[in-house]
N, C-alpha and C. Protein backbone atom coordinates (compact mmCIF):
# COMPACT_ATOMS: atom_id res chain seq x y z
N MET A 1 17.15 3.53 15.24
CA MET A 1 16.24 3.21 14.19
C MET A 1 15.03 2.30 14.89
N SER A 2 13.95 3.23 14.74
CA SER A 2 12.88 2.38 15.67
C SER A 2 13.02 1.25 14.01
N ARG A 3 11.65 -0.10 14.74
CA ARG A 3 11.51 -1.14 14.24
C ARG A 3 10.22 -0.44 12.70
N THR A 4 9.67 0.79 12.81
CA THR A 4 8.60 0.91 11.94
C THR A 4 9.70 1.69 11.05
N GLN A 5 10.54 2.50 11.30
CA GLN A 5 11.56 3.48 10.07
C GLN A 5 11.97 2.25 10.08
N THR A 6 13.23 1.98 10.35
CA THR A 6 13.79 0.64 9.50
C THR A 6 12.81 -0.51 8.73
N LEU A 7 11.34 -0.70 9.29
CA LEU A 7 9.99 -0.91 8.13
C LEU A 7 10.49 -0.03 7.06
N ALA A 8 10.08 1.64 6.82
CA ALA A 8 9.71 2.17 6.06
C ALA A 8 10.56 2.68 5.43
N ALA A 9 12.08 2.27 5.66
CA ALA A 9 13.07 3.06 5.28
C ALA A 9 13.24 2.05 3.75
N GLY A 10 13.35 0.78 3.57
CA GLY A 10 13.37 0.32 2.10
C GLY A 10 12.07 -0.66 2.09
N LEU A 11 11.34 -0.29 2.80
CA LEU A 11 9.84 -0.95 2.07
C LEU A 11 9.81 -1.43 0.90
N LEU A 12 9.66 -0.64 0.04
CA LEU A 12 9.01 -0.11 -0.90
C LEU A 12 10.19 -0.39 -2.85
N ASP A 13 11.48 -0.38 -1.56
CA ASP A 13 12.40 -1.05 -2.76
C ASP A 13 13.44 -1.97 -2.82
N ARG A 14 12.83 -3.33 -2.02
CA ARG A 14 13.10 -4.23 -2.33
C ARG A 14 12.98 -4.92 -2.76
N ASP A 15 13.34 -6.53 -3.26
CA ASP A 15 13.20 -7.64 -4.46
C ASP A 15 11.55 -7.98 -3.03
N GLY A 16 11.02 -8.92 -3.36
CA GLY A 16 10.38 -9.61 -3.01
C GLY A 16 9.03 -9.27 -2.93
N LEU A 17 8.02 -9.92 -2.51
CA LEU A 17 6.75 -9.42 -2.45
C LEU A 17 6.97 -9.76 -1.13
N LEU A 18 5.76 -7.85 -0.29
CA LEU A 18 5.19 -7.77 1.22
C LEU A 18 3.55 -8.73 1.94
N GLY A 19 3.79 -9.33 2.47
CA GLY A 19 2.28 -9.66 3.37
C GLY A 19 1.99 -8.40 4.07
N SER A 20 0.49 -9.28 3.82
CA SER A 20 -0.33 -7.80 3.93
C SER A 20 0.35 -7.45 5.86
N GLU A 21 0.60 -8.15 6.83
CA GLU A 21 1.25 -7.33 7.78
C GLU A 21 2.04 -6.66 8.30
N GLU A 22 3.22 -6.03 7.03
CA GLU A 22 4.35 -5.54 6.72
C GLU A 22 3.48 -4.53 5.96
N LEU A 23 2.58 -4.40 4.94
CA LEU A 23 1.61 -3.72 4.28
C LEU A 23 1.18 -2.62 4.99
N ALA A 24 0.60 -3.43 6.15
CA ALA A 24 -0.58 -2.28 7.12
C ALA A 24 0.26 -1.49 8.20
N GLU A 25 1.23 -2.37 8.57
CA GLU A 25 2.39 -1.76 9.85
C GLU A 25 3.37 -0.19 8.44
N TRP A 26 3.39 -0.56 7.47
CA TRP A 26 4.15 0.05 6.43
C TRP A 26 2.96 2.01 6.67
N LEU A 27 1.55 1.28 6.11
CA LEU A 27 0.46 2.15 5.24
C LEU A 27 -0.32 2.57 7.12
N ARG A 28 0.17 2.33 7.88
CA ARG A 28 0.00 2.47 9.05
C ARG A 28 -1.79 2.97 9.34
N ILE A 29 -2.10 1.10 8.73
CA ILE A 29 -3.84 1.18 8.89
C ILE A 29 -3.52 -0.60 9.04
N PRO A 30 -5.30 -0.73 9.79
CA PRO A 30 -5.23 -2.19 10.36
C PRO A 30 -5.13 -3.35 9.01
N VAL A 31 -4.49 -4.28 9.91
CA VAL A 31 -4.87 -5.55 8.12
C VAL A 31 -6.20 -6.03 8.10
N GLY A 32 -7.07 -5.15 8.91
CA GLY A 32 -8.54 -5.70 8.66
C GLY A 32 -8.57 -3.95 7.32
N THR A 33 -8.34 -3.21 7.63
CA THR A 33 -8.39 -2.34 6.18
C THR A 33 -7.95 -2.98 4.84
N LEU A 34 -6.89 -3.70 4.63
CA LEU A 34 -6.21 -4.32 3.34
C LEU A 34 -8.22 -5.17 2.82
N ASP A 35 -7.82 -6.19 3.94
CA ASP A 35 -8.90 -7.30 3.70
C ASP A 35 -10.48 -6.39 3.45
N GLN A 36 -10.96 -5.75 3.93
CA GLN A 36 -11.72 -4.39 3.63
C GLN A 36 -11.98 -4.48 1.69
N TRP A 37 -10.39 -3.46 1.11
CA TRP A 37 -10.42 -3.12 0.50
C TRP A 37 -9.85 -3.72 -0.18
N ALA A 38 -9.48 -5.42 -0.41
CA ALA A 38 -9.50 -6.51 -0.98
C ALA A 38 -10.99 -7.08 -1.58
N SER A 39 -11.59 -7.16 -0.80
CA SER A 39 -13.18 -7.86 -1.05
C SER A 39 -13.91 -7.28 -1.52
N ARG A 40 -13.84 -5.64 -1.92
CA ARG A 40 -14.55 -4.74 -2.64
C ARG A 40 -13.75 -4.28 -3.87
N GLY A 41 -12.57 -5.08 -3.73
CA GLY A 41 -12.05 -5.07 -5.66
C GLY A 41 -11.07 -3.68 -5.41
N GLY A 42 -11.07 -3.44 -4.00
CA GLY A 42 -9.84 -1.80 -3.65
C GLY A 42 -8.33 -2.01 -3.43
N GLY A 43 -7.67 -1.47 -2.97
CA GLY A 43 -6.88 -0.99 -2.15
C GLY A 43 -5.83 -1.20 -3.42
N PRO A 44 -4.30 -1.85 -2.77
CA PRO A 44 -3.38 -1.80 -3.82
C PRO A 44 -3.43 -3.44 -4.86
N PRO A 45 -2.77 -3.86 -5.84
CA PRO A 45 -2.90 -4.93 -6.86
C PRO A 45 -2.32 -6.03 -5.20
N PHE A 46 -2.95 -7.45 -5.09
CA PHE A 46 -2.52 -8.01 -5.16
C PHE A 46 -1.90 -9.55 -5.78
N HIS A 47 -0.83 -10.68 -5.22
CA HIS A 47 -1.26 -11.68 -6.02
C HIS A 47 -1.41 -12.69 -4.31
N LYS A 48 -2.25 -13.63 -5.01
CA LYS A 48 -2.34 -14.24 -4.41
C LYS A 48 -1.83 -15.68 -4.29
N VAL A 49 -0.98 -16.37 -3.08
CA VAL A 49 -0.07 -17.04 -2.95
C VAL A 49 -1.14 -17.81 -1.68
N GLY A 50 -1.63 -19.04 -2.35
CA GLY A 50 -2.17 -19.57 -1.42
C GLY A 50 -3.32 -18.86 -0.42
N LYS A 51 -3.31 -18.87 0.53
CA LYS A 51 -4.19 -17.83 1.37
C LYS A 51 -4.06 -17.04 1.62
N PHE A 52 -3.22 -16.30 1.42
CA PHE A 52 -2.48 -15.51 1.29
C PHE A 52 -2.16 -14.37 0.39
N ARG A 53 -2.08 -12.76 1.11
CA ARG A 53 -2.29 -12.28 -0.17
C ARG A 53 -0.86 -11.88 0.01
N ARG A 54 -0.05 -11.55 -0.81
CA ARG A 54 1.50 -11.05 -1.57
C ARG A 54 1.31 -9.25 -2.46
N TYR A 55 1.78 -8.62 -1.92
CA TYR A 55 2.34 -7.37 -2.56
C TYR A 55 3.52 -6.93 -2.99
N HIS A 56 3.48 -6.89 -4.41
CA HIS A 56 4.83 -6.45 -5.09
C HIS A 56 4.70 -4.60 -4.91
N PRO A 57 5.71 -4.39 -4.40
CA PRO A 57 6.23 -2.99 -4.16
C PRO A 57 6.00 -2.44 -4.93
N SER A 58 6.27 -2.68 -6.50
CA SER A 58 6.14 -1.63 -7.80
C SER A 58 4.88 -1.15 -8.03
N ASP A 59 4.04 -2.39 -7.15
CA ASP A 59 2.14 -2.07 -7.62
C ASP A 59 2.06 -1.12 -6.56
N VAL A 60 2.18 -1.21 -5.28
CA VAL A 60 1.57 -0.42 -3.86
C VAL A 60 2.25 1.15 -4.67
N ARG A 61 3.66 1.10 -5.35
CA ARG A 61 4.18 2.63 -5.46
C ARG A 61 2.67 2.98 -6.87
N GLY A 62 2.83 1.89 -7.15
CA GLY A 62 1.79 2.42 -8.33
C GLY A 62 0.68 3.08 -7.32
N TRP A 63 -0.07 1.87 -7.17
CA TRP A 63 -1.65 2.84 -6.13
C TRP A 63 -1.37 3.41 -5.65
N LEU A 64 -0.05 4.07 -4.83
CA LEU A 64 -0.12 4.87 -3.80
C LEU A 64 -0.11 6.66 -4.78
N ALA A 65 0.91 6.45 -6.11
CA ALA A 65 0.17 7.14 -7.09
C ALA A 65 -0.57 8.06 -7.48
N GLU A 66 -1.46 6.52 -7.56
CA GLU A 66 -3.24 7.23 -7.92
C GLU A 66 -3.48 7.87 -6.98
N GLN A 67 -3.40 6.91 -6.42
CA GLN A 67 -4.76 8.20 -4.80
C GLN A 67 -3.87 9.09 -4.42
N ARG A 68 -2.86 9.66 -4.61
CA ARG A 68 -2.37 11.06 -4.85
C ARG A 68 -3.81 12.67 -4.84
N ARG A 69 -3.88 13.04 -4.21
CA ARG A 69 -5.05 14.07 -3.78
C ARG A 69 -4.24 15.76 -3.49
N VAL A 70 -4.16 16.21 -4.41
CA VAL A 70 -4.44 17.80 -4.08
C VAL A 70 -4.97 18.68 -3.76
N VAL A 71 -5.28 18.93 -2.33
CA VAL A 71 -6.02 20.01 -2.25
C VAL A 71 -5.68 21.02 -2.16
N GLY A 72 -6.87 22.12 -3.07
CA GLY A 72 -6.92 23.69 -3.21
C GLY A 72 -5.84 23.90 -4.46
N GLY A 73 -5.47 23.18 -4.68
CA GLY A 73 -3.90 23.18 -5.90
C GLY A 73 -5.02 23.33 -7.08
N ASP A 74 -4.90 22.98 -8.42
CA ASP A 74 -5.14 23.09 -9.46
C ASP A 74 -6.98 23.44 -10.05
N LEU A 75 -7.53 24.21 -9.06
CA LEU A 75 -8.95 24.22 -9.30
C LEU A 75 -9.16 24.67 -10.99
N PRO A 76 -10.25 24.34 -11.41
CA PRO A 76 -10.43 24.87 -12.57
C PRO A 76 -11.50 26.25 -12.81
N ALA A 77 -11.32 27.79 -13.27
CA ALA A 77 -11.25 28.86 -13.24
C ALA A 77 -12.90 28.33 -13.20
N ALA A 78 -13.42 29.68 -12.70
CA ALA A 78 -15.11 29.49 -12.60
C ALA A 78 -15.52 30.65 -13.68
């Protein structure tokens, strides 16, 4: 199993907080994207621990659920 697969397997199911690098790797985005989201008031909720952002797995799961989009799904009837 690769490091990415190992990371993804239980990242959001574990106890404790996630660092920006861990979350960015799991989401397959640059850490800079998390930085931009945070500076604009978007992205997953986080806790400030000193100068570091830390993410609680349940907050990330909730945020991800809010991001879900269905394309071509339940469109209103014309």
